[in-house]
């Protein structure tokens, strides 16, 4: 890694001169490089891996882990374990069953969901997919928390289920990063079209 100088030189050529001089004067080279690296999304995934219906990105700092049992998915959490997110391939014909399994998983992991707090009328559009958001409040070992599940259709009967669990404070703190993760979910058809 002795090329730090050349990386900075390349960055200098790409940035306006006055901005480059300011950055070099105010940040040591190591911090400048760290800032460039830490903002990147290096964890790129295809779901499912063999015949993908979508792609997504999760920051490496969230330590994303891919799995394939019982379904193909990726789970990740913030370094302080304040936010958990899971993105899974699902059959959109069996959404009720999938959501029931997810609710059981949350319960098994110490999350008590207040079923009476369910909100189901939230719709959104992301990368050409019409999403449906289901939200609850609940409690975990640390106190009040929020639980969300979002369904995004990708191809035919296939879709993506996003499961999310965080305290209200962590939800606010990590909202920009969670938004980037959700916005990174793209159906394969959209990904292919964008590459052309």
Protein backbone atom coordinates (compact mmCIF):
# COMPACT_ATOMS: atom_id res chain seq x y z
CA UNK A 1 0.00 0.00 0.00
CA UNK A 2 2.78 2.44 -0.79
CA UNK A 3 0.64 4.13 -3.44
CA UNK A 4 -1.11 6.50 -1.03
CA UNK A 5 0.67 9.45 -2.63
CA UNK A 6 -0.56 8.50 -6.12
CA UNK A 7 -4.13 8.06 -4.86
CA UNK A 8 -4.06 11.54 -3.37
CA UNK A 9 -2.51 12.93 -6.55
CA UNK A 10 -5.33 11.39 -8.59
CA UNK A 11 -7.88 12.88 -6.21
CA UNK A 12 -6.23 16.31 -6.55
CA UNK A 13 -6.58 16.22 -10.31
CA UNK A 14 -10.28 15.32 -10.08
CA UNK A 15 -11.25 17.98 -7.54
CA UNK A 16 -11.25 21.76 -7.99
CA UNK A 17 -7.86 23.17 -7.02
CA UNK A 18 -9.06 25.31 -4.11
CA UNK A 19 -11.04 22.43 -2.59
CA UNK A 20 -8.08 20.08 -2.95
CA UNK A 21 -5.72 22.52 -1.25
CA UNK A 22 -8.20 23.01 1.59
CA UNK A 23 -8.61 19.25 2.09
CA UNK A 24 -4.88 18.59 2.01
CA UNK A 25 -4.21 21.38 4.49
CA UNK A 26 -6.97 20.39 6.90
CA UNK A 27 -6.87 16.60 6.75
CA UNK A 28 -3.84 14.40 7.03
CA UNK A 29 -3.57 12.04 4.07
CA UNK A 30 -4.60 9.02 6.12
CA UNK A 31 -7.84 10.68 7.29
CA UNK A 32 -8.62 11.81 3.75
CA UNK A 33 -8.26 8.24 2.48
CA UNK A 34 -10.28 6.92 5.41
CA UNK A 35 -13.09 9.34 4.56
CA UNK A 36 -13.10 8.13 0.96
CA UNK A 37 -13.14 4.47 1.93
CA UNK A 38 -15.64 4.66 4.80
CA UNK A 39 -18.37 6.18 2.64
CA UNK A 40 -18.27 3.37 0.10
CA UNK A 41 -20.73 0.52 -0.19
CA UNK A 42 -18.52 -2.50 -0.75
CA UNK A 43 -21.02 -5.24 0.15
CA UNK A 44 -22.81 -5.87 -3.15
CA UNK A 45 -25.21 -8.81 -3.31
CA UNK A 46 -27.43 -10.61 -5.82
CA UNK A 47 -30.56 -12.34 -4.56
CA UNK A 48 -30.81 -15.21 -5.13
CA UNK A 49 -27.19 -15.69 -6.07
CA UNK A 50 -27.78 -18.27 -8.84
CA UNK A 51 -30.71 -16.57 -10.68
CA UNK A 52 -30.91 -13.06 -9.24
CA UNK A 53 -34.14 -11.11 -9.25
CA UNK A 54 -32.54 -8.13 -7.49
CA UNK A 55 -29.24 -6.58 -6.47
CA UNK A 56 -28.43 -4.51 -3.40
CA UNK A 57 -25.57 -2.92 -1.47
CA UNK A 58 -24.87 -2.79 2.26
CA UNK A 59 -21.90 -0.99 3.83
CA UNK A 60 -19.12 -3.31 4.99
CA UNK A 61 -19.19 -1.61 8.40
CA UNK A 62 -22.61 -3.24 8.93
CA UNK A 63 -20.95 -6.68 8.51
CA UNK A 64 -23.50 -8.06 6.01
CA UNK A 65 -23.88 -11.83 5.86
CA UNK A 66 -25.51 -13.73 3.01
CA UNK A 67 -27.47 -16.91 3.74
CA UNK A 68 -29.60 -19.38 1.82
CA UNK A 69 -31.51 -21.36 4.43
CA UNK A 70 -34.50 -21.35 4.49
CA UNK A 71 -34.50 -18.55 1.87
CA UNK A 72 -31.84 -16.49 0.09
CA UNK A 73 -31.11 -13.29 1.93
CA UNK A 74 -28.65 -10.90 3.52
CA UNK A 75 -28.71 -9.73 7.13
CA UNK A 76 -26.70 -6.91 8.66
CA UNK A 77 -26.54 -4.68 11.70
CA UNK A 78 -24.80 -1.51 12.72
CA UNK A 79 -21.51 -1.80 14.60
CA UNK A 80 -23.27 -0.87 17.84
CA UNK A 81 -26.04 -3.44 17.13
CA UNK A 82 -28.65 -0.66 17.38
CA UNK A 83 -30.20 -1.38 13.96
CA UNK A 84 -30.88 -4.74 12.32
CA UNK A 85 -31.89 -5.15 8.69
CA UNK A 86 -32.58 -8.28 6.69
CA UNK A 87 -33.39 -8.49 2.98
CA UNK A 88 -34.79 -11.78 1.67
CA UNK A 89 -36.12 -13.23 -1.58
CA UNK A 90 -39.73 -14.30 -1.17
CA UNK A 91 -42.62 -15.67 -3.16
CA UNK A 92 -45.16 -12.84 -3.32
CA UNK A 93 -48.01 -15.38 -3.41
CA UNK A 94 -47.23 -16.42 0.17
CA UNK A 95 -46.64 -13.02 1.80
CA UNK A 96 -48.85 -13.78 4.82
CA UNK A 97 -46.88 -16.96 5.56
CA UNK A 98 -43.53 -15.21 5.11
CA UNK A 99 -44.53 -12.34 7.39
CA UNK A 100 -45.80 -14.80 9.99
CA UNK A 101 -42.41 -16.56 9.94
CA UNK A 102 -40.70 -13.19 10.31
CA UNK A 103 -42.88 -12.28 13.30
CA UNK A 104 -41.91 -15.60 14.92
CA UNK A 105 -38.24 -14.85 14.26
CA UNK A 106 -38.57 -11.44 15.93
CA UNK A 107 -40.27 -13.04 18.96
CA UNK A 108 -37.57 -15.71 19.19
CA UNK A 109 -34.99 -12.89 19.25
CA UNK A 110 -36.64 -11.05 22.14
CA UNK A 111 -38.82 -8.58 20.27
CA UNK A 112 -42.38 -8.28 21.60
CA UNK A 113 -44.45 -6.83 18.73
CA UNK A 114 -47.59 -4.88 19.63
CA UNK A 115 -49.95 -6.29 16.99
CA UNK A 116 -52.50 -3.53 17.67
CA UNK A 117 -49.99 -0.91 16.45
CA UNK A 118 -49.89 -2.30 12.89
CA UNK A 119 -49.95 0.32 10.12
CA UNK A 120 -50.45 -1.10 6.62
CA UNK A 121 -51.40 1.76 4.34
CA UNK A 122 -47.90 3.02 3.55
CA UNK A 123 -47.01 2.63 -0.15
CA UNK A 124 -43.81 3.77 -1.82
CA UNK A 125 -41.97 3.53 -5.13
CA UNK A 126 -38.31 2.53 -5.32
CA UNK A 127 -36.40 1.83 -8.54
CA UNK A 128 -39.63 1.09 -10.41
CA UNK A 129 -40.99 -1.28 -7.73
CA UNK A 130 -44.25 -0.49 -5.92
CA UNK A 131 -43.53 -1.26 -2.28
CA UNK A 132 -45.83 -1.86 0.67
CA UNK A 133 -44.68 -0.99 4.17
CA UNK A 134 -45.96 -2.63 7.36
CA UNK A 135 -44.96 -0.98 10.66
CA UNK A 136 -45.34 -1.90 14.32
CA UNK A 137 -44.08 -0.69 17.64
CA UNK A 138 -42.82 -3.07 20.27
CA UNK A 139 -40.28 -3.72 22.99
CA UNK A 140 -37.00 -5.54 23.15
CA UNK A 141 -34.53 -6.04 26.02
CA UNK A 142 -33.37 -2.42 25.68
CA UNK A 143 -36.84 -0.82 25.69
CA UNK A 144 -39.18 0.56 22.99
CA UNK A 145 -38.42 -0.38 19.41
CA UNK A 146 -39.90 -0.15 15.95
CA UNK A 147 -40.36 -3.04 13.57
CA UNK A 148 -40.95 -2.69 9.85
CA UNK A 149 -41.41 -5.05 6.96
CA UNK A 150 -41.50 -3.86 3.38
CA UNK A 151 -42.46 -5.94 0.37
CA UNK A 152 -41.05 -5.09 -3.06
CA UNK A 153 -42.08 -7.14 -6.14
CA UNK A 154 -39.08 -7.82 -8.40
CA UNK A 155 -39.98 -10.35 -11.14
CA UNK A 156 -43.24 -12.20 -11.68
CA UNK A 157 -44.14 -13.94 -8.40
CA UNK A 158 -40.76 -13.09 -6.85
CA UNK A 159 -40.14 -10.25 -4.47
CA UNK A 160 -37.97 -8.92 -1.71
CA UNK A 161 -38.97 -8.68 1.93
CA UNK A 162 -37.06 -6.09 3.96
CA UNK A 163 -37.21 -6.62 7.73
CA UNK A 164 -36.07 -3.82 10.03
CA UNK A 165 -35.72 -3.48 13.80
CA UNK A 166 -34.37 -0.48 15.71
CA UNK A 167 -34.92 1.74 18.72
CA UNK A 168 -36.57 5.08 17.89
CA UNK A 169 -33.26 6.91 18.57
CA UNK A 170 -31.22 4.51 16.41
CA UNK A 171 -33.83 4.83 13.66
CA UNK A 172 -33.20 8.59 13.56
CA UNK A 173 -29.43 8.24 13.86
CA UNK A 174 -29.04 5.69 11.06
CA UNK A 175 -31.86 6.87 8.79
CA UNK A 176 -29.54 8.13 6.00
CA UNK A 177 -27.66 4.82 5.84
CA UNK A 178 -30.85 2.74 5.92
CA UNK A 179 -32.29 4.91 3.14
CA UNK A 180 -29.19 4.25 0.99
CA UNK A 181 -29.51 0.50 1.57
CA UNK A 182 -33.20 0.51 0.59
CA UNK A 183 -32.52 2.70 -2.45
CA UNK A 184 -29.79 0.28 -3.55
CA UNK A 185 -32.34 -2.54 -4.03
CA UNK A 186 -32.88 -2.87 -7.78
CA UNK A 187 -34.73 -5.48 -9.80
CA UNK A 188 -32.37 -7.30 -12.14
CA UNK A 189 -34.21 -6.00 -15.20
CA UNK A 190 -33.52 -2.40 -14.05
CA UNK A 191 -29.89 -3.26 -13.34
CA UNK A 192 -29.43 -4.78 -16.80
CA UNK A 193 -31.10 -1.78 -18.47
CA UNK A 194 -28.87 0.65 -16.53
CA UNK A 195 -25.73 -1.20 -17.68
CA UNK A 196 -26.58 -0.77 -21.37
